[in-house]
C-alpha atoms as a PDB file:
ATOM      1  CA  MET A   1       0.196   0.093   0.097  1.00  0.00           C
ATOM      2  CA  THR A   2       0.991   3.454  -0.562  1.00  0.00           C
ATOM      3  CA  PRO A   3       1.797   6.004   2.618  1.00  0.00           C
ATOM      4  CA  PRO A   4      -0.912   7.725   3.905  1.00  0.00           C
ATOM      5  CA  ALA A   5      -1.536  10.801   2.088  1.00  0.00           C
ATOM      6  CA  PRO A   6      -0.284  14.176   3.166  1.00  0.00           C
ATOM      7  CA  ALA A   7      -2.244  16.775   4.934  1.00  0.00           C
ATOM      8  CA  SER A   8      -4.423  19.021   2.177  1.00  0.00           C
ATOM      9  CA  GLY A   9      -1.669  21.798   0.902  1.00  0.00           C
ATOM     10  CA  GLU A  10       1.445  20.142   1.718  1.00  0.00           C
ATOM     11  CA  PRO A  11       3.506  18.980  -0.954  1.00  0.00           C
ATOM     12  CA  LEU A  12       3.202  15.066  -2.352  1.00  0.00           C
ATOM     13  CA  PRO A  13       5.382  12.740  -2.573  1.00  0.00           C
ATOM     14  CA  GLU A  14       7.050  12.401  -6.478  1.00  0.00           C
ATOM     15  CA  GLY A  15       4.859  10.173  -8.536  1.00  0.00           C
ATOM     16  CA  GLN A  16       1.428  10.765  -6.889  1.00  0.00           C
ATOM     17  CA  VAL A  17      -1.451  13.293  -7.967  1.00  0.00           C
ATOM     18  CA  ARG A  18      -4.313  14.712  -5.807  1.00  0.00           C
ATOM     19  CA  LEU A  19      -7.786  14.530  -6.827  1.00  0.00           C
ATOM     20  CA  THR A  20     -10.761  16.028  -5.330  1.00  0.00           C
ATOM     21  CA  ASP A  21     -14.418  15.645  -5.734  1.00  0.00           C
ATOM     22  CA  VAL A  22     -13.617  12.098  -7.815  1.00  0.00           C
ATOM     23  CA  VAL A  23     -16.915   9.991  -9.325  1.00  0.00           C
ATOM     24  CA  MET A  24     -15.953   6.536 -10.851  1.00  0.00           C
ATOM     25  CA  ASP A  25     -18.416   4.449 -12.455  1.00  0.00           C
ATOM     26  CA  ARG A  26     -18.152   0.566 -13.271  1.00  0.00           C
ATOM     27  CA  PHE A  27     -20.169  -0.628 -16.169  1.00  0.00           C
ATOM     28  CA  GLU A  28     -20.945  -4.331 -17.187  1.00  0.00           C
ATOM     29  CA  ARG A  29     -22.864  -5.088 -20.445  1.00  0.00           C
ATOM     30  CA  ASP A  30     -23.823  -1.270 -20.736  1.00  0.00           C
ATOM     31  CA  HIS A  31     -25.430  -1.112 -17.037  1.00  0.00           C
ATOM     32  CA  LEU A  32     -23.810   0.870 -14.216  1.00  0.00           C
ATOM     33  CA  ARG A  33     -23.103  -1.508 -11.455  1.00  0.00           C
ATOM     34  CA  GLU A  34     -20.618   0.784  -9.000  1.00  0.00           C
ATOM     35  CA  ARG A  35     -20.353   4.351  -8.316  1.00  0.00           C
ATOM     36  CA  ALA A  36     -17.752   5.622  -5.820  1.00  0.00           C
ATOM     37  CA  GLN A  37     -17.491   9.191  -4.608  1.00  0.00           C
ATOM     38  CA  VAL A  38     -14.921  10.498  -2.900  1.00  0.00           C
ATOM     39  CA  GLU A  39     -14.193  14.202  -1.314  1.00  0.00           C
ATOM     40  CA  SER A  40     -10.705  13.798  -2.237  1.00  0.00           C
ATOM     41  CA  MET A  41      -7.714  10.952  -3.101  1.00  0.00           C
ATOM     42  CA  THR A  42      -4.255  10.712  -3.610  1.00  0.00           C
ATOM     43  CA  LEU A  43      -3.179   8.554  -6.587  1.00  0.00           C
ATOM     44  CA  ALA A  44      -0.261   7.146  -7.153  1.00  0.00           C
ATOM     45  CA  ARG A  45       1.079   7.808 -11.167  1.00  0.00           C
ATOM     46  CA  SER A  46       1.924   4.002 -11.384  1.00  0.00           C
ATOM     47  CA  ALA A  47      -2.311   3.456 -10.858  1.00  0.00           C
ATOM     48  CA  ARG A  48      -0.957   0.553  -8.931  1.00  0.00           C
ATOM     49  CA  ALA A  49      -2.459   2.227  -5.599  1.00  0.00           C
ATOM     50  CA  ALA A  50      -4.851   5.212  -4.314  1.00  0.00           C
ATOM     51  CA  ARG A  51      -5.859   6.278  -0.931  1.00  0.00           C
ATOM     52  CA  GLY A  52      -9.270   8.632  -0.670  1.00  0.00           C
ATOM     53  CA  LYS A  53     -11.098  10.453   2.088  1.00  0.00           C
ATOM     54  CA  GLY A  54     -15.189  10.567   2.056  1.00  0.00           C
ATOM     55  CA  VAL A  55     -15.912   7.871   0.624  1.00  0.00           C
ATOM     56  CA  GLU A  56     -19.279   6.678  -0.554  1.00  0.00           C
ATOM     57  CA  VAL A  57     -19.610   3.857  -2.790  1.00  0.00           C
ATOM     58  CA  GLU A  58     -23.098   2.861  -4.694  1.00  0.00           C
ATOM     59  CA  VAL A  59     -23.043  -0.732  -5.792  1.00  0.00           C
ATOM     60  CA  ARG A  60     -25.952  -1.717  -8.039  1.00  0.00           C
ATOM     61  CA  ALA A  61     -27.246  -5.423  -7.636  1.00  0.00           C
ATOM     62  CA  LYS A  62     -27.019  -7.467 -11.100  1.00  0.00           C
ATOM     63  CA  ALA A  63     -31.366  -7.782 -10.808  1.00  0.00           C
ATOM     64  CA  PRO A  64     -32.525  -4.930 -12.467  1.00  0.00           C
ATOM     65  CA  ASP A  65     -35.385  -4.490 -10.372  1.00  0.00           C
ATOM     66  CA  ALA A  66     -33.460  -4.329  -7.055  1.00  0.00           C
ATOM     67  CA  GLY A  67     -32.177  -1.032  -5.357  1.00  0.00           C
ATOM     68  CA  PRO A  68     -28.723  -0.197  -4.925  1.00  0.00           C
ATOM     69  CA  THR A  69     -26.408  -0.601  -1.869  1.00  0.00           C
ATOM     70  CA  ARG A  70     -24.662   1.948  -0.604  1.00  0.00           C
ATOM     71  CA  LEU A  71     -21.153   1.896   1.694  1.00  0.00           C
ATOM     72  CA  PHE A  72     -19.628   5.098   3.142  1.00  0.00           C
ATOM     73  CA  ALA A  73     -16.516   5.551   5.113  1.00  0.00           C
ATOM     74  CA  PRO A  74     -14.030   8.125   6.340  1.00  0.00           C
ATOM     75  CA  MET A  75     -11.052   6.617   4.598  1.00  0.00           C
ATOM     76  CA  GLY A  76     -10.376   4.107   2.027  1.00  0.00           C
ATOM     77  CA  ALA A  77      -7.670   2.658  -0.041  1.00  0.00           C
ATOM     78  CA  VAL A  78      -7.347   0.723  -3.411  1.00  0.00           C
ATOM     79  CA  ASP A  79      -4.239  -1.913  -4.261  1.00  0.00           C
ATOM     80  CA  MET A  80      -5.011  -2.466  -7.810  1.00  0.00           C
ATOM     81  CA  ARG A  81      -1.852  -5.571  -8.011  1.00  0.00           C
ATOM     82  CA  THR A  82      -3.671  -7.695  -5.453  1.00  0.00           C
ATOM     83  CA  GLN A  83      -7.586  -6.025  -6.206  1.00  0.00           C
ATOM     84  CA  ARG A  84      -8.328  -5.373  -2.638  1.00  0.00           C
ATOM     85  CA  THR A  85     -10.320  -2.406  -0.951  1.00  0.00           C
ATOM     86  CA  PHE A  86      -9.758  -1.309   2.077  1.00  0.00           C
ATOM     87  CA  LEU A  87     -12.705   1.058   4.030  1.00  0.00           C
ATOM     88  CA  THR A  88     -11.891   2.400   7.452  1.00  0.00           C
ATOM     89  CA  GLY A  89     -12.504   4.957   9.940  1.00  0.00           C
ATOM     90  CA  GLY A  90     -16.120   3.452  11.131  1.00  0.00           C
ATOM     91  CA  VAL A  91     -17.700   1.885   7.771  1.00  0.00           C
ATOM     92  CA  ARG A  92     -21.466   1.991   7.039  1.00  0.00           C
ATOM     93  CA  VAL A  93     -23.273  -0.176   4.672  1.00  0.00           C
ATOM     94  CA  VAL A  94     -27.200   0.404   3.775  1.00  0.00           C
ATOM     95  CA  ASP A  95     -29.130  -2.145   1.171  1.00  0.00           C
ATOM     96  CA  ALA A  96     -31.847  -1.292  -0.506  1.00  0.00           C
ATOM     97  CA  ALA A  97     -34.169  -2.552   2.065  1.00  0.00           C
ATOM     98  CA  GLY A  98     -32.902   0.232   4.614  1.00  0.00           C
ATOM     99  CA  ARG A  99     -30.864  -2.661   6.359  1.00  0.00           C
ATOM    100  CA  THR A 100     -27.452  -1.253   8.379  1.00  0.00           C
ATOM    101  CA  LEU A 101     -24.408  -3.275   8.692  1.00  0.00           C
ATOM    102  CA  THR A 102     -21.829  -0.772  10.611  1.00  0.00           C
ATOM    103  CA  THR A 103     -17.854  -2.245  11.682  1.00  0.00           C
ATOM    104  CA  GLU A 104     -14.691  -0.153  12.050  1.00  0.00           C
ATOM    105  CA  ALA A 105     -13.088  -1.524   8.473  1.00  0.00           C
ATOM    106  CA  LEU A 106     -13.755  -3.833   5.778  1.00  0.00           C
ATOM    107  CA  THR A 107     -11.426  -5.803   2.820  1.00  0.00           C
ATOM    108  CA  HIS A 108     -12.950  -6.254  -0.609  1.00  0.00           C
ATOM    109  CA  GLU A 109     -11.061  -9.206  -2.275  1.00  0.00           C
ATOM    110  CA  GLY A 110     -12.144  -8.261  -5.528  1.00  0.00           C
ATOM    111  CA  ALA A 111     -10.732 -11.548  -7.321  1.00  0.00           C
ATOM    112  CA  GLU A 112     -12.814 -13.262  -4.976  1.00  0.00           C
ATOM    113  CA  ASN A 113     -15.826 -10.838  -4.603  1.00  0.00           C
ATOM    114  CA  VAL A 114     -15.580 -11.465  -1.039  1.00  0.00           C
ATOM    115  CA  VAL A 115     -16.038  -8.776   1.707  1.00  0.00           C
ATOM    116  CA  ARG A 116     -14.838  -9.274   4.862  1.00  0.00           C
ATOM    117  CA  SER A 117     -14.097  -7.672   8.213  1.00  0.00           C
ATOM    118  CA  GLU A 118     -12.092  -9.025  11.649  1.00  0.00           C
ATOM    119  CA  HIS A 119     -13.869  -6.073  13.163  1.00  0.00           C
ATOM    120  CA  PRO A 120     -16.890  -6.586  15.705  1.00  0.00           C
ATOM    121  CA  VAL A 121     -20.235  -5.838  13.457  1.00  0.00           C
ATOM    122  CA  THR A 122     -23.788  -4.740  13.953  1.00  0.00           C
ATOM    123  CA  LEU A 123     -26.542  -5.419  11.664  1.00  0.00           C
ATOM    124  CA  GLU A 124     -29.595  -3.911  11.993  1.00  0.00           C
ATOM    125  CA  GLY A 125     -33.007  -4.207  10.249  1.00  0.00           C
ATOM    126  CA  GLU A 126     -36.552  -2.932  11.167  1.00  0.00           C
ATOM    127  CA  ASN A 127     -37.251  -5.816  13.512  1.00  0.00           C
ATOM    128  CA  PHE A 128     -33.839  -7.331  13.836  1.00  0.00           C
ATOM    129  CA  ARG A 129     -29.946  -6.410  15.766  1.00  0.00           C
ATOM    130  CA  ILE A 130     -27.455  -9.031  15.340  1.00  0.00           C
ATOM    131  CA  GLN A 131     -23.935  -8.135  16.833  1.00  0.00           C
ATOM    132  CA  GLY A 132     -20.731 -10.372  16.231  1.00  0.00           C
ATOM    133  CA  ALA A 133     -16.877 -10.428  15.999  1.00  0.00           C
ATOM    134  CA  GLY A 134     -16.817  -9.941  12.198  1.00  0.00           C
ATOM    135  CA  PHE A 135     -18.241 -11.018   8.852  1.00  0.00           C
ATOM    136  CA  VAL A 136     -17.437 -12.679   5.621  1.00  0.00           C
ATOM    137  CA  LEU A 137     -20.184 -11.869   2.791  1.00  0.00           C
ATOM    138  CA  ARG A 138     -20.177 -13.767  -0.729  1.00  0.00           C
ATOM    139  CA  PRO A 139     -22.257 -11.067  -2.526  1.00  0.00           C
ATOM    140  CA  ASP A 140     -22.539 -13.500  -5.811  1.00  0.00           C
ATOM    141  CA  ALA A 141     -23.901 -16.168  -3.551  1.00  0.00           C
ATOM    142  CA  ASP A 142     -26.123 -14.283  -1.403  1.00  0.00           C
ATOM    143  CA  ASP A 143     -24.294 -15.632   1.585  1.00  0.00           C
ATOM    144  CA  LEU A 144     -23.319 -13.938   4.762  1.00  0.00           C
ATOM    145  CA  GLN A 145     -21.562 -15.538   7.912  1.00  0.00           C
ATOM    146  CA  VAL A 146     -21.422 -13.612  11.216  1.00  0.00           C
ATOM    147  CA  ALA A 147     -18.286 -14.709  13.284  1.00  0.00           C
ATOM    148  CA  GLY A 148     -19.432 -15.572  17.069  1.00  0.00           C
ATOM    149  CA  PRO A 149     -19.835 -14.827  19.430  1.00  0.00           C
ATOM    150  CA  ILE A 150     -23.295 -13.389  18.361  1.00  0.00           C
ATOM    151  CA  GLN A 151     -25.672 -11.366  19.869  1.00  0.00           C
ATOM    152  CA  ALA A 152     -29.202 -11.212  18.484  1.00  0.00           C
ATOM    153  CA  GLU A 153     -32.362  -9.174  19.262  1.00  0.00           C
ATOM    154  CA  LEU A 154     -35.551 -10.075  17.053  1.00  0.00           C
ATOM    155  CA  SER A 155     -39.222  -8.533  17.681  1.00  0.00           C
ATOM    156  CA  GLU A 156     -42.516  -8.468  15.848  1.00  0.00           C
ATOM    157  CA  ALA A 157     -42.186  -7.727  12.263  1.00  0.00           C
ATOM    158  CA  PRO A 158     -44.138  -4.092  11.651  1.00  0.00           C
ATOM    159  CA  ALA A 159     -48.015  -4.288  10.543  1.00  0.00           C
ATOM    160  CA  ALA A 160     -48.497  -4.068   6.961  1.00  0.00           C
ATOM    161  CA  PRO A 161     -50.038  -0.684   5.877  1.00  0.00           C
ATOM    162  CA  GLY A 162     -53.994  -0.891   6.631  1.00  0.00           C
ATOM    163  CA  GLY A 163     -53.054  -2.798   9.568  1.00  0.00           C
ATOM    164  CA  ARG A 164     -53.322  -6.482   7.494  1.00  0.00           C
END
């Protein structure tokens, strides 16, 4: 990984460039799959690593009717050689149904499309709250495994509109 980016206004190390208000889109077969917005980032001119601040990523599911999942993190880094993305500083992930996952940091292994964290994790939805020691998510398989010990709270699902 590259060293931490210098504070704003400081000169950059040779071979690096600073970008602000960056928006990056990734398409698959003419369909927008991901949109990343970064407040500011430092990019190695060799294009092998980048660090960002104020990271917001929107990932669109392959199903056209599914809504996007959004990821928010104060800091992020990408290593293009290993295809790993690191989000740190308190990560929040919100899916299209409004369910929220929070953890201190997570890693996305791009080559395998696996997201993982070894930090405590909290998952919250309309009628549940689950806390665990970490997680492994395989989005392509719709598989989320929360590491124990696990604490879970469940409540009755809210009544449907109209009381039915």
